[in-house]
């Protein structure tokens, strides 16, 4: 569950400056979806194993 706390960190804060020190506004939707999927998998494991 500790890893889920890290995965719950918003993907949008990972946007980094690019050319001309302008923030690169790209979709973080795919990253957020992957993280959400991992959280669900971890939670299912915890519920199934009781650990």
PDB file of N, CA and C in Angstrom:
ATOM      1  N   UNK A   1       0.818  -1.186   0.000  1.00  0.00           N
ATOM      2  CA  UNK A   1       0.000   0.000   0.000  1.00  0.00           C
ATOM      3  C   UNK A   1       0.865   1.254   0.000  1.00  0.00           C
ATOM      4  N   UNK A   2       2.069   1.111   0.523  1.00  0.00           N
ATOM      5  CA  UNK A   2       2.967   2.270   0.527  1.00  0.00           C
ATOM      6  C   UNK A   2       3.281   2.713  -0.896  1.00  0.00           C
ATOM      7  N   UNK A   3       3.451   1.752  -1.792  1.00  0.00           N
ATOM      8  CA  UNK A   3       3.722   2.097  -3.194  1.00  0.00           C
ATOM      9  C   UNK A   3       2.533   2.834  -3.806  1.00  0.00           C
ATOM     10  N   UNK A   4       1.325   2.504  -3.371  1.00  0.00           N
ATOM     11  CA  UNK A   4       0.136   3.188  -3.886  1.00  0.00           C
ATOM     12  C   UNK A   4       0.151   4.669  -3.536  1.00  0.00           C
ATOM     13  N   UNK A   5       0.713   5.015  -2.385  1.00  0.00           N
ATOM     14  CA  UNK A   5       0.807   6.434  -2.020  1.00  0.00           C
ATOM     15  C   UNK A   5       1.685   7.180  -3.017  1.00  0.00           C
ATOM     16  N   UNK A   6       2.750   6.539  -3.456  1.00  0.00           N
ATOM     17  CA  UNK A   6       3.638   7.153  -4.443  1.00  0.00           C
ATOM     18  C   UNK A   6       2.932   7.242  -5.796  1.00  0.00           C
ATOM     19  N   UNK A   7       2.228   6.181  -6.172  1.00  0.00           N
ATOM     20  CA  UNK A   7       1.525   6.164  -7.458  1.00  0.00           C
ATOM     21  C   UNK A   7       0.374   7.168  -7.488  1.00  0.00           C
ATOM     22  N   UNK A   8      -0.166   7.531  -6.337  1.00  0.00           N
ATOM     23  CA  UNK A   8      -1.283   8.473  -6.283  1.00  0.00           C
ATOM     24  C   UNK A   8      -0.834   9.916  -6.514  1.00  0.00           C
ATOM     25  N   UNK A   9       0.468  10.141  -6.568  1.00  0.00           N
ATOM     26  CA  UNK A   9       1.013  11.475  -6.848  1.00  0.00           C
ATOM     27  C   UNK A   9       0.518  11.921  -8.227  1.00  0.00           C
ATOM     28  N   UNK A  10      -0.058  13.105  -8.364  1.00  0.00           N
ATOM     29  CA  UNK A  10      -0.628  13.539  -9.647  1.00  0.00           C
ATOM     30  C   UNK A  10       0.404  13.547 -10.784  1.00  0.00           C
ATOM     31  N   UNK A  11       0.059  12.940 -11.887  1.00  0.00           N
ATOM     32  CA  UNK A  11       0.961  12.896 -13.046  1.00  0.00           C
ATOM     33  C   UNK A  11       1.195  14.291 -13.611  1.00  0.00           C
ATOM     34  N   UNK A  12       0.247  15.185 -13.428  1.00  0.00           N
ATOM     35  CA  UNK A  12       0.345  16.519 -14.025  1.00  0.00           C
ATOM     36  C   UNK A  12       1.496  17.349 -13.465  1.00  0.00           C
ATOM     37  N   UNK A  13       1.972  17.043 -12.275  1.00  0.00           N
ATOM     38  CA  UNK A  13       3.070  17.825 -11.708  1.00  0.00           C
ATOM     39  C   UNK A  13       4.411  17.455 -12.322  1.00  0.00           C
ATOM     40  N   UNK A  14       4.425  16.431 -13.169  1.00  0.00           N
ATOM     41  CA  UNK A  14       5.673  16.000 -13.803  1.00  0.00           C
ATOM     42  C   UNK A  14       5.965  16.731 -15.100  1.00  0.00           C
ATOM     43  N   UNK A  15       5.152  17.720 -15.443  1.00  0.00           N
ATOM     44  CA  UNK A  15       5.413  18.510 -16.643  1.00  0.00           C
ATOM     45  C   UNK A  15       6.676  19.333 -16.402  1.00  0.00           C
ATOM     46  N   UNK A  16       7.562  19.357 -17.387  1.00  0.00           N
ATOM     47  CA  UNK A  16       8.852  20.014 -17.202  1.00  0.00           C
ATOM     48  C   UNK A  16       9.032  21.140 -18.212  1.00  0.00           C
ATOM     49  N   UNK A  17       9.859  22.136 -17.873  1.00  0.00           N
ATOM     50  CA  UNK A  17      10.128  23.217 -18.830  1.00  0.00           C
ATOM     51  C   UNK A  17      10.832  22.677 -20.070  1.00  0.00           C
ATOM     52  N   UNK A  18      10.527  23.264 -21.197  1.00  0.00           N
ATOM     53  CA  UNK A  18      11.189  22.848 -22.443  1.00  0.00           C
ATOM     54  C   UNK A  18      11.793  24.087 -23.092  1.00  0.00           C
ATOM     55  N   UNK A  19      11.618  24.256 -24.351  1.00  0.00           N
ATOM     56  CA  UNK A  19      12.219  25.348 -25.102  1.00  0.00           C
ATOM     57  C   UNK A  19      11.823  26.710 -24.540  1.00  0.00           C
ATOM     58  N   UNK A  20      12.793  27.553 -24.332  1.00  0.00           N
ATOM     59  CA  UNK A  20      12.536  28.906 -23.859  1.00  0.00           C
ATOM     60  C   UNK A  20      11.982  28.962 -22.452  1.00  0.00           C
ATOM     61  N   UNK A  21      12.253  27.917 -21.668  1.00  0.00           N
ATOM     62  CA  UNK A  21      11.779  27.813 -20.296  1.00  0.00           C
ATOM     63  C   UNK A  21      10.251  27.861 -20.202  1.00  0.00           C
ATOM     64  N   UNK A  22       9.570  27.463 -21.291  1.00  0.00           N
ATOM     65  CA  UNK A  22       8.115  27.361 -21.298  1.00  0.00           C
ATOM     66  C   UNK A  22       7.735  25.956 -20.844  1.00  0.00           C
ATOM     67  N   UNK A  23       6.675  25.884 -20.054  1.00  0.00           N
ATOM     68  CA  UNK A  23       6.236  24.584 -19.580  1.00  0.00           C
ATOM     69  C   UNK A  23       5.666  23.780 -20.744  1.00  0.00           C
ATOM     70  N   UNK A  24       6.027  22.515 -20.792  1.00  0.00           N
ATOM     71  CA  UNK A  24       5.567  21.620 -21.848  1.00  0.00           C
ATOM     72  C   UNK A  24       4.211  21.041 -21.437  1.00  0.00           C
ATOM     73  N   UNK A  25       3.137  21.498 -22.076  1.00  0.00           N
ATOM     74  CA  UNK A  25       1.788  21.038 -21.733  1.00  0.00           C
ATOM     75  C   UNK A  25       1.407  19.854 -22.606  1.00  0.00           C
ATOM     76  N   UNK A  26       1.802  18.680 -22.175  1.00  0.00           N
ATOM     77  CA  UNK A  26       1.444  17.459 -22.885  1.00  0.00           C
ATOM     78  C   UNK A  26       0.465  16.676 -22.026  1.00  0.00           C
ATOM     79  N   UNK A  27      -0.293  15.820 -22.660  1.00  0.00           N
ATOM     80  CA  UNK A  27      -1.270  15.025 -21.931  1.00  0.00           C
ATOM     81  C   UNK A  27      -0.559  14.015 -21.041  1.00  0.00           C
ATOM     82  N   UNK A  28      -0.945  14.011 -19.794  1.00  0.00           N
ATOM     83  CA  UNK A  28      -0.416  13.028 -18.849  1.00  0.00           C
ATOM     84  C   UNK A  28      -1.468  11.949 -18.592  1.00  0.00           C
ATOM     85  N   UNK A  29      -2.473  11.914 -19.466  1.00  0.00           N
ATOM     86  CA  UNK A  29      -3.568  10.960 -19.288  1.00  0.00           C
ATOM     87  C   UNK A  29      -3.127   9.516 -19.307  1.00  0.00           C
ATOM     88  N   UNK A  30      -2.245   9.154 -20.235  1.00  0.00           N
ATOM     89  CA  UNK A  30      -1.784   7.768 -20.334  1.00  0.00           C
ATOM     90  C   UNK A  30      -1.001   7.381 -19.079  1.00  0.00           C
ATOM     91  N   UNK A  31      -0.169   8.283 -18.604  1.00  0.00           N
ATOM     92  CA  UNK A  31       0.599   8.008 -17.391  1.00  0.00           C
ATOM     93  C   UNK A  31      -0.326   7.853 -16.196  1.00  0.00           C
ATOM     94  N   UNK A  32      -1.293   8.736 -16.067  1.00  0.00           N
ATOM     95  CA  UNK A  32      -2.240   8.660 -14.951  1.00  0.00           C
ATOM     96  C   UNK A  32      -3.052   7.366 -15.012  1.00  0.00           C
ATOM     97  N   UNK A  33      -3.439   6.946 -16.210  1.00  0.00           N
ATOM     98  CA  UNK A  33      -4.213   5.710 -16.362  1.00  0.00           C
ATOM     99  C   UNK A  33      -3.381   4.498 -15.957  1.00  0.00           C
ATOM    100  N   UNK A  34      -2.110   4.476 -16.348  1.00  0.00           N
ATOM    101  CA  UNK A  34      -1.221   3.369 -15.957  1.00  0.00           C
ATOM    102  C   UNK A  34      -1.050   3.322 -14.441  1.00  0.00           C
ATOM    103  N   UNK A  35      -0.877   4.492 -13.837  1.00  0.00           N
ATOM    104  CA  UNK A  35      -0.718   4.535 -12.387  1.00  0.00           C
ATOM    105  C   UNK A  35      -1.990   4.069 -11.683  1.00  0.00           C
ATOM    106  N   UNK A  36      -3.134   4.493 -12.173  1.00  0.00           N
ATOM    107  CA  UNK A  36      -4.409   4.076 -11.575  1.00  0.00           C
ATOM    108  C   UNK A  36      -4.587   2.569 -11.697  1.00  0.00           C
ATOM    109  N   UNK A  37      -4.195   2.006 -12.835  1.00  0.00           N
ATOM    110  CA  UNK A  37      -4.296   0.563 -13.040  1.00  0.00           C
ATOM    111  C   UNK A  37      -3.405  -0.188 -12.056  1.00  0.00           C
ATOM    112  N   UNK A  38      -2.199   0.320 -11.829  1.00  0.00           N
ATOM    113  CA  UNK A  38      -1.296  -0.314 -10.867  1.00  0.00           C
ATOM    114  C   UNK A  38      -1.866  -0.248  -9.451  1.00  0.00           C
ATOM    115  N   UNK A  39      -2.471   0.877  -9.105  1.00  0.00           N
ATOM    116  CA  UNK A  39      -3.075   1.021  -7.774  1.00  0.00           C
ATOM    117  C   UNK A  39      -4.188  -0.004  -7.585  1.00  0.00           C
ATOM    118  N   UNK A  40      -5.031  -0.160  -8.603  1.00  0.00           N
ATOM    119  CA  UNK A  40      -6.121  -1.137  -8.522  1.00  0.00           C
ATOM    120  C   UNK A  40      -5.565  -2.550  -8.389  1.00  0.00           C
ATOM    121  N   UNK A  41      -4.524  -2.874  -9.158  1.00  0.00           N
ATOM    122  CA  UNK A  41      -3.899  -4.209  -9.061  1.00  0.00           C
ATOM    123  C   UNK A  41      -3.334  -4.448  -7.672  1.00  0.00           C
ATOM    124  N   UNK A  42      -2.647  -3.451  -7.129  1.00  0.00           N
ATOM    125  CA  UNK A  42      -2.079  -3.605  -5.786  1.00  0.00           C
ATOM    126  C   UNK A  42      -3.169  -3.778  -4.742  1.00  0.00           C
ATOM    127  N   UNK A  43      -4.227  -2.979  -4.843  1.00  0.00           N
ATOM    128  CA  UNK A  43      -5.320  -3.082  -3.878  1.00  0.00           C
ATOM    129  C   UNK A  43      -5.991  -4.449  -3.964  1.00  0.00           C
ATOM    130  N   UNK A  44      -6.152  -4.983  -5.163  1.00  0.00           N
ATOM    131  CA  UNK A  44      -6.746  -6.317  -5.342  1.00  0.00           C
ATOM    132  C   UNK A  44      -5.861  -7.376  -4.700  1.00  0.00           C
ATOM    133  N   UNK A  45      -4.544  -7.249  -4.858  1.00  0.00           N
ATOM    134  CA  UNK A  45      -3.610  -8.190  -4.226  1.00  0.00           C
ATOM    135  C   UNK A  45      -3.719  -8.133  -2.709  1.00  0.00           C
ATOM    136  N   UNK A  46      -3.792  -6.930  -2.162  1.00  0.00           N
ATOM    137  CA  UNK A  46      -3.890  -6.774  -0.719  1.00  0.00           C
ATOM    138  C   UNK A  46      -5.185  -7.398  -0.207  1.00  0.00           C
ATOM    139  N   UNK A  47      -6.290  -7.151  -0.897  1.00  0.00           N
ATOM    140  CA  UNK A  47      -7.566  -7.707  -0.472  1.00  0.00           C
ATOM    141  C   UNK A  47      -7.584  -9.225  -0.597  1.00  0.00           C
ATOM    142  N   UNK A  48      -6.942  -9.753  -1.642  1.00  0.00           N
ATOM    143  CA  UNK A  48      -6.935 -11.207  -1.852  1.00  0.00           C
ATOM    144  C   UNK A  48      -6.028 -11.932  -0.868  1.00  0.00           C
ATOM    145  N   UNK A  49      -4.908 -11.305  -0.514  1.00  0.00           N
ATOM    146  CA  UNK A  49      -3.922 -11.964   0.344  1.00  0.00           C
ATOM    147  C   UNK A  49      -4.028 -11.556   1.801  1.00  0.00           C
ATOM    148  N   UNK A  50      -4.706 -10.458   2.067  1.00  0.00           N
ATOM    149  CA  UNK A  50      -4.807  -9.996   3.434  1.00  0.00           C
ATOM    150  C   UNK A  50      -3.498  -9.439   3.982  1.00  0.00           C
ATOM    151  N   UNK A  51      -2.591  -9.022   3.056  1.00  0.00           N
ATOM    152  CA  UNK A  51      -1.302  -8.447   3.497  1.00  0.00           C
ATOM    153  C   UNK A  51      -1.128  -7.067   2.958  1.00  0.00           C
TER     154      UNK A  51
END
